Amino acid sequence: MDATKLAEGVAAGDRRALARAITLVESGRADHRAKATELLARLGTARQALRIGLSGTPGVGKSSFIEAFGMMLTGQGLRVAVLAVDPSSARTGGSILGDKTRMERLSRDPNAFIRPSPSQTHLGGVARRTREAVALCEAAGFDVVLIETVGVGQSETMVAEMTDIFVLLLAPAGGDELQGVKRGIMEMADLILVNKADGALKDTAMRTCADYSGALRLLRKRPQDPEGFPKAMVVSAVEEKGLSEAWAGMQALTAARRDTGWFAKRRAEQAQRWFEEEVRAGLLVRLTGDKAIRARMEALGAEVAAGRKASAEAAEEMLAALRGG
């Protein structure tokens, strides 16, 4: 299918066309990249969705939460896209991509779209082309785009740089998690949701939420946010409790940021940053695609490995060669 017909299908909200379009932008082939660039240019950026990033430690119930939260949103008449980034094997490059099976109800909802993507060992747990997949989902008319990342850690903060709301999902009795989460990601979180607040874990979840609320009060208040944010809340994906309150919090925060102009300013900064990253990535692709440059890199790499050159010396020599020095 050519870019024109594919763009028409995506703009019409055809989920099959959207799936094919995302496959196209994820491809590394040069001819596919050219078509993907044309496709994105044809679709433009007129449509916008609320972009929500979701991160959390493995086993915290991210998929269960997304399914329950997504079903609540579609029940309100909203169209929801889920971009679930699965970790790729460093050895084989393969991924399990099992999110559709873990979100069986949501995957059958006509107002929802779930797309698992491999992280391809990209730093931050976000596939390189996730940004373009978000743009495609917006062009297809989705109201909310949820981006589920690989896990949690200091490198995971990349998802906060491509979303409007960043949600950190945690489990009850997460005393050790508080240390594991680290200050950096705590400062980027807009909402901390303590999941599994049901059954025997309900009281523990309430105590954990109180602990995180106290920790958040120690952080400096962000000037772009209203009073009370960032905040910690309890939710139960199993009992579907606390979801409407969490959504209300996200809406209130978004509305306040729009009123102050911070929302639009943030979007503009993100677009500029994506452009700069795309230029850097394109330069790397061109460098590695040049046979002479690749041969020089391999030769210098061999000298470093053999201990004949220091890494910094070899790198400077390579950069000098690229500059024509």
C-alpha atoms as a PDB file:
ATOM      1  CA  MET A   1       0.000   0.000   0.000  1.00  0.00           C
ATOM      2  CA  ASP A   2       1.333   3.452  -0.897  1.00  0.00           C
ATOM      3  CA  ALA A   3       1.685   6.248   1.635  1.00  0.00           C
ATOM      4  CA  THR A   4      -1.364   8.150   0.341  1.00  0.00           C
ATOM      5  CA  LYS A   5      -3.804   5.253   0.775  1.00  0.00           C
ATOM      6  CA  LEU A   6      -2.262   4.288   4.103  1.00  0.00           C
ATOM      7  CA  ALA A   7      -2.608   7.874   5.360  1.00  0.00           C
ATOM      8  CA  GLU A   8      -6.259   7.891   4.304  1.00  0.00           C
ATOM      9  CA  GLY A   9      -6.876   4.649   6.204  1.00  0.00           C
ATOM     10  CA  VAL A  10      -5.160   5.908   9.356  1.00  0.00           C
ATOM     11  CA  ALA A  11      -7.020   9.242   9.239  1.00  0.00           C
ATOM     12  CA  ALA A  12     -10.307   7.345   8.879  1.00  0.00           C
ATOM     13  CA  GLY A  13      -9.558   5.423  12.080  1.00  0.00           C
ATOM     14  CA  ASP A  14      -9.000   2.058  10.371  1.00  0.00           C
ATOM     15  CA  ARG A  15      -7.206  -0.054  12.989  1.00  0.00           C
ATOM     16  CA  ARG A  16      -5.679  -2.368  10.395  1.00  0.00           C
ATOM     17  CA  ALA A  17      -4.252   0.605   8.527  1.00  0.00           C
ATOM     18  CA  LEU A  18      -2.895   1.941  11.832  1.00  0.00           C
ATOM     19  CA  ALA A  19      -1.227  -1.398  12.590  1.00  0.00           C
ATOM     20  CA  ARG A  20       0.388  -1.453   9.135  1.00  0.00           C
ATOM     21  CA  ALA A  21       1.506   2.156   9.547  1.00  0.00           C
ATOM     22  CA  ILE A  22       3.202   1.410  12.884  1.00  0.00           C
ATOM     23  CA  THR A  23       4.923  -1.607  11.352  1.00  0.00           C
ATOM     24  CA  LEU A  24       6.186   0.695   8.610  1.00  0.00           C
ATOM     25  CA  VAL A  25       7.623   3.318  10.986  1.00  0.00           C
ATOM     26  CA  GLU A  26       9.265   0.618  13.120  1.00  0.00           C
ATOM     27  CA  SER A  27      11.093  -0.812  10.116  1.00  0.00           C
ATOM     28  CA  GLY A  28      14.773  -0.017   9.713  1.00  0.00           C
ATOM     29  CA  ARG A  29      14.852  -0.519   5.948  1.00  0.00           C
ATOM     30  CA  ALA A  30      15.803   2.602   4.013  1.00  0.00           C
ATOM     31  CA  ASP A  31      12.868   2.323   1.577  1.00  0.00           C
ATOM     32  CA  HIS A  32      10.448   1.842   4.469  1.00  0.00           C
ATOM     33  CA  ARG A  33      11.868   4.855   6.283  1.00  0.00           C
ATOM     34  CA  ALA A  34      11.272   6.999   3.196  1.00  0.00           C
ATOM     35  CA  LYS A  35       7.635   5.839   3.021  1.00  0.00           C
ATOM     36  CA  ALA A  36       7.211   6.363   6.777  1.00  0.00           C
ATOM     37  CA  THR A  37       8.490   9.926   6.493  1.00  0.00           C
ATOM     38  CA  GLU A  38       6.054  10.621   3.661  1.00  0.00           C
ATOM     39  CA  LEU A  39       3.202   9.037   5.636  1.00  0.00           C
ATOM     40  CA  LEU A  40       3.838  11.154   8.732  1.00  0.00           C
ATOM     41  CA  ALA A  41       4.124  14.301   6.629  1.00  0.00           C
ATOM     42  CA  ARG A  42       0.761  13.587   4.969  1.00  0.00           C
ATOM     43  CA  LEU A  43      -0.979  12.993   8.293  1.00  0.00           C
ATOM     44  CA  GLY A  44       0.371  16.125   9.962  1.00  0.00           C
ATOM     45  CA  THR A  45      -0.015  17.017  13.638  1.00  0.00           C
ATOM     46  CA  ALA A  46      -3.465  18.637  13.767  1.00  0.00           C
ATOM     47  CA  ARG A  47      -4.999  15.920  15.944  1.00  0.00           C
ATOM     48  CA  GLN A  48      -3.758  15.539  19.495  1.00  0.00           C
ATOM     49  CA  ALA A  49      -4.434  13.034  22.256  1.00  0.00           C
ATOM     50  CA  LEU A  50      -3.625  13.053  25.944  1.00  0.00           C
ATOM     51  CA  ARG A  51      -0.339  11.147  26.222  1.00  0.00           C
ATOM     52  CA  ILE A  52       0.043   9.188  29.448  1.00  0.00           C
ATOM     53  CA  GLY A  53       3.261   7.377  30.339  1.00  0.00           C
ATOM     54  CA  LEU A  54       3.061   4.451  32.745  1.00  0.00           C
ATOM     55  CA  SER A  55       6.016   2.808  34.438  1.00  0.00           C
ATOM     56  CA  GLY A  56       6.460   0.442  37.345  1.00  0.00           C
ATOM     57  CA  THR A  57       8.431  -2.482  38.636  1.00  0.00           C
ATOM     58  CA  PRO A  58       7.745  -5.939  37.127  1.00  0.00           C
ATOM     59  CA  GLY A  59       4.821  -7.680  38.808  1.00  0.00           C
ATOM     60  CA  VAL A  60       3.172  -4.475  40.005  1.00  0.00           C
ATOM     61  CA  GLY A  61       0.182  -5.090  37.756  1.00  0.00           C
ATOM     62  CA  LYS A  62       0.752  -2.649  34.897  1.00  0.00           C
ATOM     63  CA  SER A  63      -1.184  -4.714  32.359  1.00  0.00           C
ATOM     64  CA  SER A  64      -4.078  -5.325  34.772  1.00  0.00           C
ATOM     65  CA  PHE A  65      -4.244  -1.629  35.586  1.00  0.00           C
ATOM     66  CA  ILE A  66      -4.114  -0.569  31.927  1.00  0.00           C
ATOM     67  CA  GLU A  67      -6.894  -2.985  31.007  1.00  0.00           C
ATOM     68  CA  ALA A  68      -9.174  -1.840  33.837  1.00  0.00           C
ATOM     69  CA  PHE A  69      -8.313   1.836  33.265  1.00  0.00           C
ATOM     70  CA  GLY A  70      -8.718   1.513  29.498  1.00  0.00           C
ATOM     71  CA  MET A  71     -12.083  -0.217  29.836  1.00  0.00           C
ATOM     72  CA  MET A  72     -13.258   2.597  32.103  1.00  0.00           C
ATOM     73  CA  LEU A  73     -12.216   5.212  29.526  1.00  0.00           C
ATOM     74  CA  THR A  74     -13.822   3.415  26.572  1.00  0.00           C
ATOM     75  CA  GLY A  75     -16.959   3.070  28.696  1.00  0.00           C
ATOM     76  CA  GLN A  76     -17.022   6.879  28.769  1.00  0.00           C
ATOM     77  CA  GLY A  77     -16.924   6.971  24.969  1.00  0.00           C
ATOM     78  CA  LEU A  78     -13.205   7.691  24.647  1.00  0.00           C
ATOM     79  CA  ARG A  79     -10.915   5.938  22.163  1.00  0.00           C
ATOM     80  CA  VAL A  80      -7.806   4.513  23.820  1.00  0.00           C
ATOM     81  CA  ALA A  81      -4.526   3.378  22.255  1.00  0.00           C
ATOM     82  CA  VAL A  82      -1.983   1.370  24.251  1.00  0.00           C
ATOM     83  CA  LEU A  83       1.645   1.229  23.151  1.00  0.00           C
ATOM     84  CA  ALA A  84       3.233  -1.464  25.290  1.00  0.00           C
ATOM     85  CA  VAL A  85       7.011  -1.607  24.978  1.00  0.00           C
ATOM     86  CA  ASP A  86       8.395  -5.066  25.772  1.00  0.00           C
ATOM     87  CA  PRO A  87      12.045  -5.684  26.633  1.00  0.00           C
ATOM     88  CA  SER A  88      14.174  -7.114  23.844  1.00  0.00           C
ATOM     89  CA  SER A  89      16.759  -9.781  24.507  1.00  0.00           C
ATOM     90  CA  ALA A  90      20.270  -8.361  24.448  1.00  0.00           C
ATOM     91  CA  ARG A  91      21.445 -11.703  23.043  1.00  0.00           C
ATOM     92  CA  THR A  92      18.868 -12.524  20.369  1.00  0.00           C
ATOM     93  CA  GLY A  93      16.995  -9.241  19.946  1.00  0.00           C
ATOM     94  CA  GLY A  94      13.680 -11.064  20.374  1.00  0.00           C
ATOM     95  CA  SER A  95      10.722 -10.012  22.531  1.00  0.00           C
ATOM     96  CA  ILE A  96       7.760 -11.876  24.003  1.00  0.00           C
ATOM     97  CA  LEU A  97       5.215  -9.167  23.066  1.00  0.00           C
ATOM     98  CA  GLY A  98       2.520 -10.743  25.232  1.00  0.00           C
ATOM     99  CA  ASP A  99       0.547  -7.663  26.226  1.00  0.00           C
ATOM    100  CA  LYS A 100      -2.452  -8.449  24.026  1.00  0.00           C
ATOM    101  CA  THR A 101      -2.897 -11.783  25.782  1.00  0.00           C
ATOM    102  CA  ARG A 102      -2.643 -10.064  29.183  1.00  0.00           C
ATOM    103  CA  MET A 103      -5.285  -7.488  28.175  1.00  0.00           C
ATOM    104  CA  GLU A 104      -7.817  -9.816  26.585  1.00  0.00           C
ATOM    105  CA  ARG A 105     -10.940  -7.742  27.354  1.00  0.00           C
ATOM    106  CA  LEU A 106      -9.425  -4.452  26.217  1.00  0.00           C
ATOM    107  CA  SER A 107      -8.025  -6.008  23.038  1.00  0.00           C
ATOM    108  CA  ARG A 108     -11.591  -6.927  21.992  1.00  0.00           C
ATOM    109  CA  ASP A 109     -12.966  -3.452  22.651  1.00  0.00           C
ATOM    110  CA  PRO A 110     -13.701  -1.670  19.326  1.00  0.00           C
ATOM    111  CA  ASN A 111     -12.693   1.663  20.886  1.00  0.00           C
ATOM    112  CA  ALA A 112      -9.274   0.380  21.949  1.00  0.00           C
ATOM    113  CA  PHE A 113      -6.059  -0.421  20.110  1.00  0.00           C
ATOM    114  CA  ILE A 114      -3.145  -2.322  21.668  1.00  0.00           C
ATOM    115  CA  ARG A 115       0.244  -2.435  20.024  1.00  0.00           C
ATOM    116  CA  PRO A 116       3.157  -4.282  21.669  1.00  0.00           C
ATOM    117  CA  SER A 117       6.567  -3.162  20.401  1.00  0.00           C
ATOM    118  CA  PRO A 118      10.102  -4.403  21.127  1.00  0.00           C
ATOM    119  CA  SER A 119      12.360  -1.966  22.988  1.00  0.00           C
ATOM    120  CA  GLN A 120      15.242  -3.059  20.727  1.00  0.00           C
ATOM    121  CA  THR A 121      17.598  -2.466  23.699  1.00  0.00           C
ATOM    122  CA  HIS A 122      16.832   1.272  23.496  1.00  0.00           C
ATOM    123  CA  LEU A 123      17.746   3.205  26.632  1.00  0.00           C
ATOM    124  CA  GLY A 124      14.729   4.188  28.664  1.00  0.00           C
ATOM    125  CA  GLY A 125      12.599   1.172  27.763  1.00  0.00           C
ATOM    126  CA  VAL A 126      10.977   3.057  24.913  1.00  0.00           C
ATOM    127  CA  ALA A 127      11.283   1.859  21.348  1.00  0.00           C
ATOM    128  CA  ARG A 128      13.003   4.415  19.116  1.00  0.00           C
ATOM    129  CA  ARG A 129       9.926   4.748  16.941  1.00  0.00           C
ATOM    130  CA  THR A 130       7.453   4.999  19.832  1.00  0.00           C
ATOM    131  CA  ARG A 131       7.218   8.756  19.247  1.00  0.00           C
ATOM    132  CA  GLU A 132       6.104   8.172  15.663  1.00  0.00           C
ATOM    133  CA  ALA A 133       3.644   5.489  16.787  1.00  0.00           C
ATOM    134  CA  VAL A 134       2.130   8.050  19.177  1.00  0.00           C
ATOM    135  CA  ALA A 135       1.749  10.509  16.289  1.00  0.00           C
ATOM    136  CA  LEU A 136       0.022   7.827  14.208  1.00  0.00           C
ATOM    137  CA  CYS A 137      -2.415   6.995  17.026  1.00  0.00           C
ATOM    138  CA  GLU A 138      -3.243  10.684  17.358  1.00  0.00           C
ATOM    139  CA  ALA A 139      -3.794  10.967  13.602  1.00  0.00           C
ATOM    140  CA  ALA A 140      -6.141   7.961  13.832  1.00  0.00           C
ATOM    141  CA  GLY A 141      -8.350   9.919  16.221  1.00  0.00           C
ATOM    142  CA  PHE A 142      -7.576   8.294  19.560  1.00  0.00           C
ATOM    143  CA  ASP A 143      -8.328  10.465  22.583  1.00  0.00           C
ATOM    144  CA  VAL A 144      -5.851   8.884  25.009  1.00  0.00           C
ATOM    145  CA  VAL A 145      -2.518   7.203  24.253  1.00  0.00           C
ATOM    146  CA  LEU A 146      -1.043   5.081  27.046  1.00  0.00           C
ATOM    147  CA  ILE A 147       2.658   4.223  26.816  1.00  0.00           C
ATOM    148  CA  GLU A 148       3.683   1.331  29.036  1.00  0.00           C
ATOM    149  CA  THR A 149       7.436   1.091  29.518  1.00  0.00           C
ATOM    150  CA  VAL A 150       9.691  -1.891  30.189  1.00  0.00           C
ATOM    151  CA  GLY A 151      10.261  -1.303  33.894  1.00  0.00           C
ATOM    152  CA  VAL A 152      11.435   1.284  36.338  1.00  0.00           C
ATOM    153  CA  GLY A 153      14.825   2.841  36.985  1.00  0.00           C
ATOM    154  CA  GLN A 154      16.845   5.954  36.391  1.00  0.00           C
ATOM    155  CA  SER A 155      17.004   5.339  32.626  1.00  0.00           C
ATOM    156  CA  GLU A 156      13.201   4.937  32.464  1.00  0.00           C
ATOM    157  CA  THR A 157      12.648   8.681  32.774  1.00  0.00           C
ATOM    158  CA  MET A 158      12.781   8.930  28.963  1.00  0.00           C
ATOM    159  CA  VAL A 159       9.058   8.171  28.804  1.00  0.00           C
ATOM    160  CA  ALA A 160       8.360  11.343  30.783  1.00  0.00           C
ATOM    161  CA  GLU A 161       9.969  13.303  27.944  1.00  0.00           C
ATOM    162  CA  MET A 162       7.364  12.167  25.399  1.00  0.00           C
ATOM    163  CA  THR A 163       4.168  12.280  27.459  1.00  0.00           C
ATOM    164  CA  ASP A 164       1.873  14.831  29.092  1.00  0.00           C
ATOM    165  CA  ILE A 165       1.255  12.859  32.286  1.00  0.00           C
ATOM    166  CA  PHE A 166       3.716  10.435  33.859  1.00  0.00           C
ATOM    167  CA  VAL A 167       2.261   7.786  36.177  1.00  0.00           C
ATOM    168  CA  LEU A 168       4.356   5.593  38.441  1.00  0.00           C
ATOM    169  CA  LEU A 169       2.616   2.367  39.486  1.00  0.00           C
ATOM    170  CA  LEU A 170       3.790   0.698  42.702  1.00  0.00           C
ATOM    171  CA  ALA A 171       2.845  -2.289  44.835  1.00  0.00           C
ATOM    172  CA  PRO A 172       1.898  -2.295  48.540  1.00  0.00           C
ATOM    173  CA  ALA A 173       4.637  -2.750  51.136  1.00  0.00           C
ATOM    174  CA  GLY A 174       7.108  -1.094  48.794  1.00  0.00           C
ATOM    175  CA  GLY A 175       9.574   0.107  51.396  1.00  0.00           C
ATOM    176  CA  ASP A 176      12.485  -1.215  49.400  1.00  0.00           C
ATOM    177  CA  GLU A 177      10.892   0.136  46.227  1.00  0.00           C
ATOM    178  CA  LEU A 178      11.154   3.658  47.611  1.00  0.00           C
ATOM    179  CA  GLN A 179      14.917   3.248  47.541  1.00  0.00           C
ATOM    180  CA  GLY A 180      14.829   1.444  44.208  1.00  0.00           C
ATOM    181  CA  VAL A 181      12.716   4.070  42.480  1.00  0.00           C
ATOM    182  CA  LYS A 182      15.303   6.786  43.217  1.00  0.00           C
ATOM    183  CA  ARG A 183      14.809  10.519  43.461  1.00  0.00           C
ATOM    184  CA  GLY A 184      15.033  11.211  39.726  1.00  0.00           C
ATOM    185  CA  ILE A 185      11.943   9.272  38.713  1.00  0.00           C
ATOM    186  CA  MET A 186      10.077  10.422  41.833  1.00  0.00           C
ATOM    187  CA  GLU A 187      10.606  14.017  40.736  1.00  0.00           C
ATOM    188  CA  MET A 188       9.237  13.246  37.268  1.00  0.00           C
ATOM    189  CA  ALA A 189       6.121  11.379  38.436  1.00  0.00           C
ATOM    190  CA  ASP A 190       2.877  13.351  38.279  1.00  0.00           C
ATOM    191  CA  LEU A 191       0.875  10.608  39.968  1.00  0.00           C
ATOM    192  CA  ILE A 192       2.028   7.674  42.074  1.00  0.00           C
ATOM    193  CA  LEU A 193      -0.602   4.947  42.109  1.00  0.00           C
ATOM    194  CA  VAL A 194      -0.316   2.164  44.682  1.00  0.00           C
ATOM    195  CA  ASN A 195      -2.013  -0.800  43.023  1.00  0.00           C
ATOM    196  CA  LYS A 196      -3.500  -3.947  44.574  1.00  0.00           C
ATOM    197  CA  ALA A 197      -5.365  -1.984  47.262  1.00  0.00           C
ATOM    198  CA  ASP A 198      -7.789  -4.839  47.829  1.00  0.00           C
ATOM    199  CA  GLY A 199      -8.279  -7.851  50.065  1.00  0.00           C
ATOM    200  CA  ALA A 200      -5.557  -8.524  52.613  1.00  0.00           C
ATOM    201  CA  LEU A 201      -3.302  -5.916  51.006  1.00  0.00           C
ATOM    202  CA  LYS A 202      -5.726  -2.990  51.314  1.00  0.00           C
ATOM    203  CA  ASP A 203      -4.422  -1.687  54.662  1.00  0.00           C
ATOM    204  CA  THR A 204      -0.829  -2.171  53.544  1.00  0.00           C
ATOM    205  CA  ALA A 205      -1.553  -0.243  50.350  1.00  0.00           C
ATOM    206  CA  MET A 206      -2.995   2.644  52.371  1.00  0.00           C
ATOM    207  CA  ARG A 207       0.129   2.785  54.536  1.00  0.00           C
ATOM    208  CA  THR A 208       2.375   2.632  51.469  1.00  0.00           C
ATOM    209  CA  CYS A 209       0.413   5.465  49.880  1.00  0.00           C
ATOM    210  CA  ALA A 210       0.865   7.534  53.043  1.00  0.00           C
ATOM    211  CA  ASP A 211       4.621   6.859  52.944  1.00  0.00           C
ATOM    212  CA  TYR A 212       4.873   8.081  49.367  1.00  0.00           C
ATOM    213  CA  SER A 213       2.675  11.095  50.083  1.00  0.00           C
ATOM    214  CA  GLY A 214       5.140  12.054  52.797  1.00  0.00           C
ATOM    215  CA  ALA A 215       8.070  11.540  50.452  1.00  0.00           C
ATOM    216  CA  LEU A 216       6.441  13.728  47.790  1.00  0.00           C
ATOM    217  CA  ARG A 217       5.938  16.564  50.271  1.00  0.00           C
ATOM    218  CA  LEU A 218       9.702  16.667  50.771  1.00  0.00           C
ATOM    219  CA  LEU A 219      10.222  17.414  47.085  1.00  0.00           C
ATOM    220  CA  ARG A 220      10.123  20.987  45.835  1.00  0.00           C
ATOM    221  CA  LYS A 221       6.743  21.924  44.350  1.00  0.00           C
ATOM    222  CA  ARG A 222       6.844  22.322  40.575  1.00  0.00           C
ATOM    223  CA  PRO A 223       5.747  25.821  39.480  1.00  0.00           C
ATOM    224  CA  GLN A 224       3.640  24.508  36.578  1.00  0.00           C
ATOM    225  CA  ASP A 225       1.447  22.328  38.797  1.00  0.00           C
ATOM    226  CA  PRO A 226      -1.541  23.206  41.006  1.00  0.00           C
ATOM    227  CA  GLU A 227      -1.585  22.654  44.746  1.00  0.00           C
ATOM    228  CA  GLY A 228      -1.590  18.967  45.719  1.00  0.00           C
ATOM    229  CA  PHE A 229       0.495  17.693  42.806  1.00  0.00           C
ATOM    230  CA  PRO A 230       2.354  15.452  42.448  1.00  0.00           C
ATOM    231  CA  LYS A 231       0.216  13.160  44.563  1.00  0.00           C
ATOM    232  CA  ALA A 232      -0.017   9.514  45.632  1.00  0.00           C
ATOM    233  CA  MET A 233      -3.275   7.553  45.406  1.00  0.00           C
ATOM    234  CA  VAL A 234      -4.444   3.959  45.897  1.00  0.00           C
ATOM    235  CA  VAL A 235      -6.104   1.909  43.160  1.00  0.00           C
ATOM    236  CA  SER A 236      -7.296  -1.641  42.661  1.00  0.00           C
ATOM    237  CA  ALA A 237      -7.225  -2.956  39.119  1.00  0.00           C
ATOM    238  CA  VAL A 238      -8.933  -6.173  40.257  1.00  0.00           C
ATOM    239  CA  GLU A 239     -11.852  -4.457  41.983  1.00  0.00           C
ATOM    240  CA  GLU A 240     -11.704  -1.482  39.579  1.00  0.00           C
ATOM    241  CA  LYS A 241     -11.619   0.980  42.461  1.00  0.00           C
ATOM    242  CA  GLY A 242      -9.821   4.305  42.492  1.00  0.00           C
ATOM    243  CA  LEU A 243      -9.631   4.415  38.685  1.00  0.00           C
ATOM    244  CA  SER A 244     -12.125   7.259  38.250  1.00  0.00           C
ATOM    245  CA  GLU A 245     -10.336   9.243  40.966  1.00  0.00           C
ATOM    246  CA  ALA A 246      -6.989   8.701  39.227  1.00  0.00           C
ATOM    247  CA  TRP A 247      -8.497   9.821  35.901  1.00  0.00           C
ATOM    248  CA  ALA A 248     -10.003  12.894  37.570  1.00  0.00           C
ATOM    249  CA  GLY A 249      -6.553  13.743  38.919  1.00  0.00           C
ATOM    250  CA  MET A 250      -5.011  13.433  35.463  1.00  0.00           C
ATOM    251  CA  GLN A 251      -7.721  15.634  33.947  1.00  0.00           C
ATOM    252  CA  ALA A 252      -7.366  18.284  36.660  1.00  0.00           C
ATOM    253  CA  LEU A 253      -3.599  18.403  36.232  1.00  0.00           C
ATOM    254  CA  THR A 254      -3.882  18.627  32.439  1.00  0.00           C
ATOM    255  CA  ALA A 255      -6.491  21.400  32.631  1.00  0.00           C
ATOM    256  CA  ALA A 256      -4.337  23.428  35.030  1.00  0.00           C
ATOM    257  CA  ARG A 257      -1.297  23.071  32.773  1.00  0.00           C
ATOM    258  CA  ARG A 258      -3.316  24.132  29.736  1.00  0.00           C
ATOM    259  CA  ASP A 259      -4.614  27.209  31.550  1.00  0.00           C
ATOM    260  CA  THR A 260      -1.099  28.371  32.414  1.00  0.00           C
ATOM    261  CA  GLY A 261       0.247  27.726  28.914  1.00  0.00           C
ATOM    262  CA  TRP A 262       2.723  25.174  30.236  1.00  0.00           C
ATOM    263  CA  PHE A 263       1.074  22.312  28.322  1.00  0.00           C
ATOM    264  CA  ALA A 264       1.609  23.929  24.907  1.00  0.00           C
ATOM    265  CA  LYS A 265       5.119  25.033  25.844  1.00  0.00           C
ATOM    266  CA  ARG A 266       5.988  21.481  26.894  1.00  0.00           C
ATOM    267  CA  ARG A 267       4.648  20.026  23.639  1.00  0.00           C
ATOM    268  CA  ALA A 268       6.745  22.501  21.623  1.00  0.00           C
ATOM    269  CA  GLU A 269       9.880  21.619  23.604  1.00  0.00           C
ATOM    270  CA  GLN A 270       9.230  17.915  23.086  1.00  0.00           C
ATOM    271  CA  ALA A 271       8.814  18.374  19.326  1.00  0.00           C
ATOM    272  CA  GLN A 272      12.114  20.251  19.129  1.00  0.00           C
ATOM    273  CA  ARG A 273      13.879  17.601  21.210  1.00  0.00           C
ATOM    274  CA  TRP A 274      12.501  14.810  18.994  1.00  0.00           C
ATOM    275  CA  PHE A 275      13.774  16.642  15.931  1.00  0.00           C
ATOM    276  CA  GLU A 276      17.276  16.923  17.413  1.00  0.00           C
ATOM    277  CA  GLU A 277      17.288  13.243  18.428  1.00  0.00           C
ATOM    278  CA  GLU A 278      16.155  12.232  14.944  1.00  0.00           C
ATOM    279  CA  VAL A 279      19.012  14.214  13.405  1.00  0.00           C
ATOM    280  CA  ARG A 280      21.525  12.511  15.724  1.00  0.00           C
ATOM    281  CA  ALA A 281      20.077   9.076  14.967  1.00  0.00           C
ATOM    282  CA  GLY A 282      20.162   9.793  11.231  1.00  0.00           C
ATOM    283  CA  LEU A 283      23.800  10.842  11.409  1.00  0.00           C
ATOM    284  CA  LEU A 284      24.699   7.610  13.186  1.00  0.00           C
ATOM    285  CA  VAL A 285      22.885   5.566  10.551  1.00  0.00           C
ATOM    286  CA  ARG A 286      24.760   7.344   7.762  1.00  0.00           C
ATOM    287  CA  LEU A 287      28.099   6.917   9.521  1.00  0.00           C
ATOM    288  CA  THR A 288      27.654   3.194  10.098  1.00  0.00           C
ATOM    289  CA  GLY A 289      26.385   2.773   6.533  1.00  0.00           C
ATOM    290  CA  ASP A 290      29.586   4.150   5.046  1.00  0.00           C
ATOM    291  CA  LYS A 291      31.960   1.252   4.343  1.00  0.00           C
ATOM    292  CA  ALA A 292      35.142   3.308   4.707  1.00  0.00           C
ATOM    293  CA  ILE A 293      34.043   4.815   8.007  1.00  0.00           C
ATOM    294  CA  ARG A 294      32.915   1.445   9.331  1.00  0.00           C
ATOM    295  CA  ALA A 295      36.262  -0.100   8.384  1.00  0.00           C
ATOM    296  CA  ARG A 296      38.099   2.715  10.169  1.00  0.00           C
ATOM    297  CA  MET A 297      35.923   2.232  13.257  1.00  0.00           C
ATOM    298  CA  GLU A 298      36.594  -1.503  13.285  1.00  0.00           C
ATOM    299  CA  ALA A 299      40.331  -0.986  12.901  1.00  0.00           C
ATOM    300  CA  LEU A 300      40.500   1.523  15.746  1.00  0.00           C
ATOM    301  CA  GLY A 301      38.242  -0.682  17.862  1.00  0.00           C
ATOM    302  CA  ALA A 302      40.631  -3.588  17.375  1.00  0.00           C
ATOM    303  CA  GLU A 303      43.559  -1.431  18.513  1.00  0.00           C
ATOM    304  CA  VAL A 304      41.664  -0.391  21.636  1.00  0.00           C
ATOM    305  CA  ALA A 305      40.739  -4.013  22.370  1.00  0.00           C
ATOM    306  CA  ALA A 306      44.383  -5.048  21.999  1.00  0.00           C
ATOM    307  CA  GLY A 307      45.507  -2.295  24.375  1.00  0.00           C
ATOM    308  CA  ARG A 308      47.534  -0.431  21.752  1.00  0.00           C
ATOM    309  CA  LYS A 309      45.387   2.690  21.990  1.00  0.00           C
ATOM    310  CA  ALA A 310      43.369   4.310  24.751  1.00  0.00           C
ATOM    311  CA  SER A 311      39.633   4.687  24.103  1.00  0.00           C
ATOM    312  CA  ALA A 312      39.769   8.483  24.275  1.00  0.00           C
ATOM    313  CA  GLU A 313      42.747   8.630  21.892  1.00  0.00           C
ATOM    314  CA  ALA A 314      41.063   6.334  19.350  1.00  0.00           C
ATOM    315  CA  ALA A 315      37.796   8.280  19.594  1.00  0.00           C
ATOM    316  CA  GLU A 316      39.577  11.592  18.974  1.00  0.00           C
ATOM    317  CA  GLU A 317      41.372  10.067  15.979  1.00  0.00           C
ATOM    318  CA  MET A 318      38.055   8.848  14.573  1.00  0.00           C
ATOM    319  CA  LEU A 319      36.410  12.235  15.068  1.00  0.00           C
ATOM    320  CA  ALA A 320      39.381  13.981  13.444  1.00  0.00           C
ATOM    321  CA  ALA A 321      39.034  11.698  10.434  1.00  0.00           C
ATOM    322  CA  LEU A 322      35.327  12.550  10.168  1.00  0.00           C
ATOM    323  CA  ARG A 323      36.142  16.254  10.299  1.00  0.00           C
ATOM    324  CA  GLY A 324      38.685  15.733   7.559  1.00  0.00           C
ATOM    325  CA  GLY A 325      41.545  16.564   9.910  1.00  0.00           C
END
